[in-house]
Structures are given as C-alpha cells and as structure tokens.
Amino acid sequence: MVNYDYFNPKPFTNLTFAPYLTIMSGHILLVDDEPGLRESVQAYLEDSGFMVRSASNAQEAWQMLEQVTPDLVISDIMMPQVNGYEFLKRVRADERFIGLPVIFLTARGMKSDRIAGYQAGCDAFLPKPFDPDELVAIVENLLTRRNSTTNIDVSTTDNALAGQLAEIIDILKQNPNAGKIITTPTPIKIEFTPREQSVLELVVEGLMNKEIARRLDTSIRNVEKYVSRLFTKTGTNSRTELVRYALQHGLAT
C-alpha cells in the first residue's frame, strides 16, 4: 500500500481520471536508505506499471546493477558510507551505464546541490517532498527519450554491422574450415567467460547483435557489452578484426 505521507501534494484519487492515464513499462532501480520512503515510492511506481527493484544503500545498488541493467535509476543523495554523488560518479565511469538515466531524490533542494547533481551526471532532480505524479511523468519522459535514442542507434548501426557481416562471410568463404585452422599459436592466453565465448562463437558465425541476443535469450545491450569486452581482451576494434583474430589464433571452434 502506498503511504502518501511522503508525498506532497497528495495525488488525486478521483477515479474518473483513470481512463486518461497511460501505462508505460520499464525496469527501475530505486536506491534510498529510508525504508518508509523507499517502500512508498516503489509501491506507487509499481501501481503505475513499472517493475521496481530497491536497494537500501549504494553498495547494494551497485551489486544489483552488475547483475541486471535497469532502464532507469532513482537514487537518494544523502546516504551513509557512499552518497548519491559518489554512486553516480561510479555509474558514469562504467561504459556499460554511461547512458543510463538517473533521477536524484533529495531533501536538499539548494541550487548548489542541483548543480552538483547535474555535474555528477544526473538527468533530473526532484526535491522532497514531491508529487508522485511528477516523478512518474519524469520517469516516462526519460524512458521515452532513451527508447527513441536506442531505436535510432540500432537502425544506424545495422548498416555498419551489415557491412562487417559481409566481410566476415567473405572470410569464411575464403576459408571454409577457417574455424579449425590455427595459423599461429595464441601469443597470450585469453580467458573468456562462458558467455563471452558463446558470443564470440556466434560473431564468428556471422550473426549480428540482434540475432545473437535472440539466440542467447538476452538483450541487445548485453550483447554489445560482451562484444565490447571481446574487443578489449583481443585488442581488436571491429567485428571483422575480431573474427580474423579468433580464426587465426584458434579462439573459436
């Protein structure tokens, strides 16, 4: 049950407005050390159609981020041990979460606090107490913008990936048994995680990110993350280079 004592003003309760409400789904990570507020905000967001995971501190939130990447983060600023500013700086320092939308909730509404929040990389700043409908509106706006940007990025990169795919197929046509040929020994032993190895095998097959995501039952963002790790571990800069490197050093079967 939502405890409206944490919100100001209290949301409307007139049910005649219900048909005009729009429901948007999305995965949200909520970080706040105050149990009452955390539970109330989580309940309201879930009633609004969102899926919410909550953490009581920044360390717990980081562990959750490592496990599953949410669509958006809502975080308090004043928290023990690691505050919201430090947590956000760590988030922005990780390339996996650079574009992850973050909203700050805080009892501190001074101009200097807002400036510090924006400098740390937050996307929106909402001082307590707040109208929960305003929070939902901000969340929906950020998710809509993020989804639009993601769709543009996917369509733009598809052409580039198609070109790289053609080069990969050409390599495979020139060497039908390339996956079994080791032209040189691996100069450095490269340790791949099982998932990285699976992604590498599928990249060598010529699959693009969307196809790999479907094959492994994961998200395109996760595939991009694994491909990026493969680039780093192999010292390559494109899928074509990665395939050539993998085939030359027997990294893919």
Foldseek 3Di string as FASTA:
>chain_A
DADQVFAPPRDDDPCVCVVVQDADEWEEEEEAQDVNVQVNLCVVNVVSHYHYDYDNHLVVSVVVCVVPPTQAYEYEADDPPAGPLNSLLVQCVDPLRVLRAYEYEYQDDDPVVVVSVVVSPHDYYHYTRHYSVVVVVVVVVSSVVVVVVVVVVVVVCVVVLVVLLVLLVVVCVVPVVLLVDAQDADPDDFDDDPVLLLLLQVLSVSDDLVVSCVVVVHDSSVSVVSVVVLCVRQVHDDSNVSNVSCSNHNSYD
